[in-house]
């Protein structure tokens, strides 16, 4: 099955937001656990360690990246089970992201939002997040993991096209 990109680019006062969405037939608390508990994040993104609290920094292992590097992630806000805001990177390039969850009738919708000051690299970033969110779906369903080659460079043009539509 060829994955279909879901990303949207929304203008903001400081740039734009890249928004990707997934829907789960599960309670919000269960989906929240999938994106916050280290043993569950290890199944689709990577494990993390440290004292997780707003204003604190944890270490996350990006298990599905080349070399499986560890990186520092600052928790900017944590409002269980609805919102987790984090930032990572250095002074030259900082990534600010949020996971926002909502539930209705036993179905939980997850929005991954990356706050961008520039559209540079959107053709690489977008497919990466599509891949990781589909990894989350596969981990939750105990399904086969997706193949990154189905996302990049296959979805690069789609995401570059989002920038030109604005």
C-alpha atoms as a PDB file:
ATOM      1  CA  UNK A   1       0.000   0.000   0.000  1.00  0.00           C
ATOM      2  CA  UNK A   2       1.295   3.403  -0.966  1.00  0.00           C
ATOM      3  CA  UNK A   3       0.982   5.890   1.926  1.00  0.00           C
ATOM      4  CA  UNK A   4      -0.969   9.069   1.241  1.00  0.00           C
ATOM      5  CA  UNK A   5       0.401  12.340   2.655  1.00  0.00           C
ATOM      6  CA  UNK A   6      -1.909  14.168   5.049  1.00  0.00           C
ATOM      7  CA  UNK A   7       0.181  17.254   5.800  1.00  0.00           C
ATOM      8  CA  UNK A   8      -1.252  20.739   5.549  1.00  0.00           C
ATOM      9  CA  UNK A   9       0.564  24.045   5.785  1.00  0.00           C
ATOM     10  CA  UNK A  10      -1.227  26.788   7.705  1.00  0.00           C
ATOM     11  CA  UNK A  11       0.015  30.394   7.824  1.00  0.00           C
ATOM     12  CA  UNK A  12       0.834  31.905  11.241  1.00  0.00           C
ATOM     13  CA  UNK A  13       2.060  35.295  12.447  1.00  0.00           C
ATOM     14  CA  UNK A  14       5.643  33.962  12.631  1.00  0.00           C
ATOM     15  CA  UNK A  15       5.743  31.653   9.592  1.00  0.00           C
ATOM     16  CA  UNK A  16       3.576  28.587   9.179  1.00  0.00           C
ATOM     17  CA  UNK A  17       2.504  25.384  10.885  1.00  0.00           C
ATOM     18  CA  UNK A  18       2.919  21.977   9.315  1.00  0.00           C
ATOM     19  CA  UNK A  19      -0.042  19.916  10.562  1.00  0.00           C
ATOM     20  CA  UNK A  20      -0.394  16.141  10.161  1.00  0.00           C
ATOM     21  CA  UNK A  21      -3.325  14.131  11.497  1.00  0.00           C
ATOM     22  CA  UNK A  22      -4.073  10.549  12.464  1.00  0.00           C
ATOM     23  CA  UNK A  23      -7.303   9.100  13.872  1.00  0.00           C
ATOM     24  CA  UNK A  24      -7.514   6.172  16.300  1.00  0.00           C
ATOM     25  CA  UNK A  25     -10.490   4.146  17.457  1.00  0.00           C
ATOM     26  CA  UNK A  26      -9.257   4.312  21.037  1.00  0.00           C
ATOM     27  CA  UNK A  27      -9.746   6.400  24.168  1.00  0.00           C
ATOM     28  CA  UNK A  28      -7.665   9.557  24.412  1.00  0.00           C
ATOM     29  CA  UNK A  29      -5.811   8.259  27.502  1.00  0.00           C
ATOM     30  CA  UNK A  30      -4.571   5.219  25.571  1.00  0.00           C
ATOM     31  CA  UNK A  31      -3.334   7.306  22.636  1.00  0.00           C
ATOM     32  CA  UNK A  32      -1.714   9.732  25.104  1.00  0.00           C
ATOM     33  CA  UNK A  33       0.160   6.808  26.671  1.00  0.00           C
ATOM     34  CA  UNK A  34       1.390   5.790  23.195  1.00  0.00           C
ATOM     35  CA  UNK A  35       3.012   9.199  22.701  1.00  0.00           C
ATOM     36  CA  UNK A  36       4.320   9.800  26.243  1.00  0.00           C
ATOM     37  CA  UNK A  37       5.321   6.523  27.934  1.00  0.00           C
ATOM     38  CA  UNK A  38       8.930   5.553  27.108  1.00  0.00           C
ATOM     39  CA  UNK A  39       8.243   1.831  26.619  1.00  0.00           C
ATOM     40  CA  UNK A  40       5.480   2.709  24.146  1.00  0.00           C
ATOM     41  CA  UNK A  41       7.323   5.492  22.308  1.00  0.00           C
ATOM     42  CA  UNK A  42      10.179   3.008  21.849  1.00  0.00           C
ATOM     43  CA  UNK A  43       7.934   0.978  19.533  1.00  0.00           C
ATOM     44  CA  UNK A  44       7.463   3.760  16.976  1.00  0.00           C
ATOM     45  CA  UNK A  45       9.898   6.626  17.597  1.00  0.00           C
ATOM     46  CA  UNK A  46      12.361   5.734  20.297  1.00  0.00           C
ATOM     47  CA  UNK A  47      12.710   5.470  24.063  1.00  0.00           C
ATOM     48  CA  UNK A  48      13.358   8.450  26.279  1.00  0.00           C
ATOM     49  CA  UNK A  49      14.889   8.990  29.687  1.00  0.00           C
ATOM     50  CA  UNK A  50      14.883  11.744  32.269  1.00  0.00           C
ATOM     51  CA  UNK A  51      12.551  13.654  34.544  1.00  0.00           C
ATOM     52  CA  UNK A  52       9.671  14.592  32.251  1.00  0.00           C
ATOM     53  CA  UNK A  53       8.014  17.812  33.372  1.00  0.00           C
ATOM     54  CA  UNK A  54       7.356  21.236  31.849  1.00  0.00           C
ATOM     55  CA  UNK A  55      10.567  23.247  31.704  1.00  0.00           C
ATOM     56  CA  UNK A  56      12.741  20.125  31.939  1.00  0.00           C
ATOM     57  CA  UNK A  57      14.846  18.449  29.275  1.00  0.00           C
ATOM     58  CA  UNK A  58      14.723  14.724  28.531  1.00  0.00           C
ATOM     59  CA  UNK A  59      16.912  12.617  26.249  1.00  0.00           C
ATOM     60  CA  UNK A  60      15.202  10.851  23.364  1.00  0.00           C
ATOM     61  CA  UNK A  61      16.756   8.140  21.261  1.00  0.00           C
ATOM     62  CA  UNK A  62      15.696   8.474  17.655  1.00  0.00           C
ATOM     63  CA  UNK A  63      15.711   4.717  17.172  1.00  0.00           C
ATOM     64  CA  UNK A  64      14.671   4.747  13.522  1.00  0.00           C
ATOM     65  CA  UNK A  65      17.205   7.328  12.312  1.00  0.00           C
ATOM     66  CA  UNK A  66      20.625   6.387  10.967  1.00  0.00           C
ATOM     67  CA  UNK A  67      22.895   5.690  13.942  1.00  0.00           C
ATOM     68  CA  UNK A  68      19.941   5.908  16.370  1.00  0.00           C
ATOM     69  CA  UNK A  69      21.213   9.167  17.918  1.00  0.00           C
ATOM     70  CA  UNK A  70      20.191  10.541  21.285  1.00  0.00           C
ATOM     71  CA  UNK A  71      18.961  14.128  21.361  1.00  0.00           C
ATOM     72  CA  UNK A  72      17.827  16.584  24.004  1.00  0.00           C
ATOM     73  CA  UNK A  73      14.146  17.509  23.985  1.00  0.00           C
ATOM     74  CA  UNK A  74      12.779  20.295  26.168  1.00  0.00           C
ATOM     75  CA  UNK A  75       9.228  19.898  27.415  1.00  0.00           C
ATOM     76  CA  UNK A  76       7.608  23.296  26.930  1.00  0.00           C
ATOM     77  CA  UNK A  77       4.093  22.284  28.022  1.00  0.00           C
ATOM     78  CA  UNK A  78       2.377  19.092  29.138  1.00  0.00           C
ATOM     79  CA  UNK A  79      -1.394  19.018  29.599  1.00  0.00           C
ATOM     80  CA  UNK A  80      -2.410  15.340  29.867  1.00  0.00           C
ATOM     81  CA  UNK A  81      -4.097  13.868  27.915  1.00  0.00           C
ATOM     82  CA  UNK A  82      -4.588  16.684  25.410  1.00  0.00           C
ATOM     83  CA  UNK A  83      -1.371  18.567  24.630  1.00  0.00           C
ATOM     84  CA  UNK A  84       2.385  18.048  24.666  1.00  0.00           C
ATOM     85  CA  UNK A  85       4.631  20.851  23.377  1.00  0.00           C
ATOM     86  CA  UNK A  86       8.363  20.261  22.955  1.00  0.00           C
ATOM     87  CA  UNK A  87      11.383  21.880  21.366  1.00  0.00           C
ATOM     88  CA  UNK A  88      14.665  20.430  20.213  1.00  0.00           C
ATOM     89  CA  UNK A  89      17.742  21.537  18.338  1.00  0.00           C
ATOM     90  CA  UNK A  90      20.354  24.210  18.799  1.00  0.00           C
ATOM     91  CA  UNK A  91      20.450  27.989  18.467  1.00  0.00           C
ATOM     92  CA  UNK A  92      20.992  27.701  14.700  1.00  0.00           C
ATOM     93  CA  UNK A  93      17.917  25.527  14.172  1.00  0.00           C
ATOM     94  CA  UNK A  94      15.245  24.890  16.765  1.00  0.00           C
ATOM     95  CA  UNK A  95      12.264  22.652  16.087  1.00  0.00           C
ATOM     96  CA  UNK A  96       9.079  23.487  18.010  1.00  0.00           C
ATOM     97  CA  UNK A  97       6.365  20.841  17.923  1.00  0.00           C
ATOM     98  CA  UNK A  98       3.073  19.975  19.563  1.00  0.00           C
ATOM     99  CA  UNK A  99       0.956  16.867  19.814  1.00  0.00           C
ATOM    100  CA  UNK A 100      -2.689  17.831  20.292  1.00  0.00           C
ATOM    101  CA  UNK A 101      -5.300  15.158  21.016  1.00  0.00           C
ATOM    102  CA  UNK A 102      -9.092  15.288  21.112  1.00  0.00           C
ATOM    103  CA  UNK A 103     -11.682  12.563  21.607  1.00  0.00           C
ATOM    104  CA  UNK A 104     -15.237  12.160  20.437  1.00  0.00           C
ATOM    105  CA  UNK A 105     -17.353   9.011  20.666  1.00  0.00           C
ATOM    106  CA  UNK A 106     -14.436   6.686  21.427  1.00  0.00           C
ATOM    107  CA  UNK A 107     -12.318   8.034  18.554  1.00  0.00           C
ATOM    108  CA  UNK A 108      -9.190  10.070  19.231  1.00  0.00           C
ATOM    109  CA  UNK A 109      -7.723  12.479  16.733  1.00  0.00           C
ATOM    110  CA  UNK A 110      -4.030  13.347  17.001  1.00  0.00           C
ATOM    111  CA  UNK A 111      -2.556  16.427  15.355  1.00  0.00           C
ATOM    112  CA  UNK A 112       1.201  16.740  15.092  1.00  0.00           C
ATOM    113  CA  UNK A 113       2.035  20.413  14.595  1.00  0.00           C
ATOM    114  CA  UNK A 114       5.515  21.638  13.743  1.00  0.00           C
ATOM    115  CA  UNK A 115       5.846  25.409  14.052  1.00  0.00           C
ATOM    116  CA  UNK A 116       8.045  26.611  11.185  1.00  0.00           C
ATOM    117  CA  UNK A 117       9.693  29.997  10.688  1.00  0.00           C
ATOM    118  CA  UNK A 118      10.702  28.944   7.171  1.00  0.00           C
ATOM    119  CA  UNK A 119       9.473  26.454   4.601  1.00  0.00           C
ATOM    120  CA  UNK A 120      13.056  25.408   3.878  1.00  0.00           C
ATOM    121  CA  UNK A 121      13.411  21.638   4.016  1.00  0.00           C
ATOM    122  CA  UNK A 122       9.656  20.982   3.983  1.00  0.00           C
ATOM    123  CA  UNK A 123      10.172  18.307   1.304  1.00  0.00           C
ATOM    124  CA  UNK A 124      12.297  16.323   3.768  1.00  0.00           C
ATOM    125  CA  UNK A 125      10.531  17.127   7.054  1.00  0.00           C
ATOM    126  CA  UNK A 126       6.972  16.354   5.932  1.00  0.00           C
ATOM    127  CA  UNK A 127       7.634  12.822   4.668  1.00  0.00           C
ATOM    128  CA  UNK A 128       9.569  12.089   7.868  1.00  0.00           C
ATOM    129  CA  UNK A 129       6.631  12.995  10.083  1.00  0.00           C
ATOM    130  CA  UNK A 130       4.219  11.025   7.858  1.00  0.00           C
ATOM    131  CA  UNK A 131       6.515   8.009   8.318  1.00  0.00           C
ATOM    132  CA  UNK A 132       6.713   8.388  12.098  1.00  0.00           C
ATOM    133  CA  UNK A 133       2.954   8.807  12.472  1.00  0.00           C
ATOM    134  CA  UNK A 134       2.386   5.690  10.375  1.00  0.00           C
ATOM    135  CA  UNK A 135       4.949   3.948  12.616  1.00  0.00           C
ATOM    136  CA  UNK A 136       2.717   4.960  15.554  1.00  0.00           C
ATOM    137  CA  UNK A 137      -0.323   3.481  13.795  1.00  0.00           C
ATOM    138  CA  UNK A 138       1.582   0.253  13.065  1.00  0.00           C
ATOM    139  CA  UNK A 139       2.819  -0.005  16.677  1.00  0.00           C
ATOM    140  CA  UNK A 140      -0.685   0.489  18.062  1.00  0.00           C
ATOM    141  CA  UNK A 141      -2.135  -2.114  15.673  1.00  0.00           C
ATOM    142  CA  UNK A 142       0.780  -4.573  16.009  1.00  0.00           C
ATOM    143  CA  UNK A 143       1.108  -4.289  12.227  1.00  0.00           C
ATOM    144  CA  UNK A 144       4.150  -4.421   9.984  1.00  0.00           C
ATOM    145  CA  UNK A 145       6.297  -1.284  10.149  1.00  0.00           C
ATOM    146  CA  UNK A 146       6.180   0.940   7.073  1.00  0.00           C
ATOM    147  CA  UNK A 147       9.165   1.258   4.764  1.00  0.00           C
ATOM    148  CA  UNK A 148      10.715   4.741   4.795  1.00  0.00           C
ATOM    149  CA  UNK A 149      11.367   4.509   1.039  1.00  0.00           C
ATOM    150  CA  UNK A 150       7.599   4.749   0.496  1.00  0.00           C
ATOM    151  CA  UNK A 151       7.721   8.230   2.108  1.00  0.00           C
ATOM    152  CA  UNK A 152      10.962   9.774   0.974  1.00  0.00           C
ATOM    153  CA  UNK A 153      11.593  10.798  -1.704  1.00  0.00           C
ATOM    154  CA  UNK A 154       8.116   9.652  -2.819  1.00  0.00           C
ATOM    155  CA  UNK A 155       6.287  12.436  -0.892  1.00  0.00           C
ATOM    156  CA  UNK A 156       8.897  15.159  -1.333  1.00  0.00           C
ATOM    157  CA  UNK A 157       7.102  16.876  -4.229  1.00  0.00           C
ATOM    158  CA  UNK A 158       3.788  16.894  -2.336  1.00  0.00           C
ATOM    159  CA  UNK A 159       5.310  18.778   0.595  1.00  0.00           C
ATOM    160  CA  UNK A 160       7.308  21.146  -1.596  1.00  0.00           C
ATOM    161  CA  UNK A 161       4.025  21.869  -3.396  1.00  0.00           C
ATOM    162  CA  UNK A 162       2.412  22.951  -0.121  1.00  0.00           C
ATOM    163  CA  UNK A 163       4.938  25.757   0.141  1.00  0.00           C
ATOM    164  CA  UNK A 164       4.276  26.986  -3.400  1.00  0.00           C
ATOM    165  CA  UNK A 165       0.482  27.015  -2.861  1.00  0.00           C
ATOM    166  CA  UNK A 166       0.745  29.767  -0.241  1.00  0.00           C
END
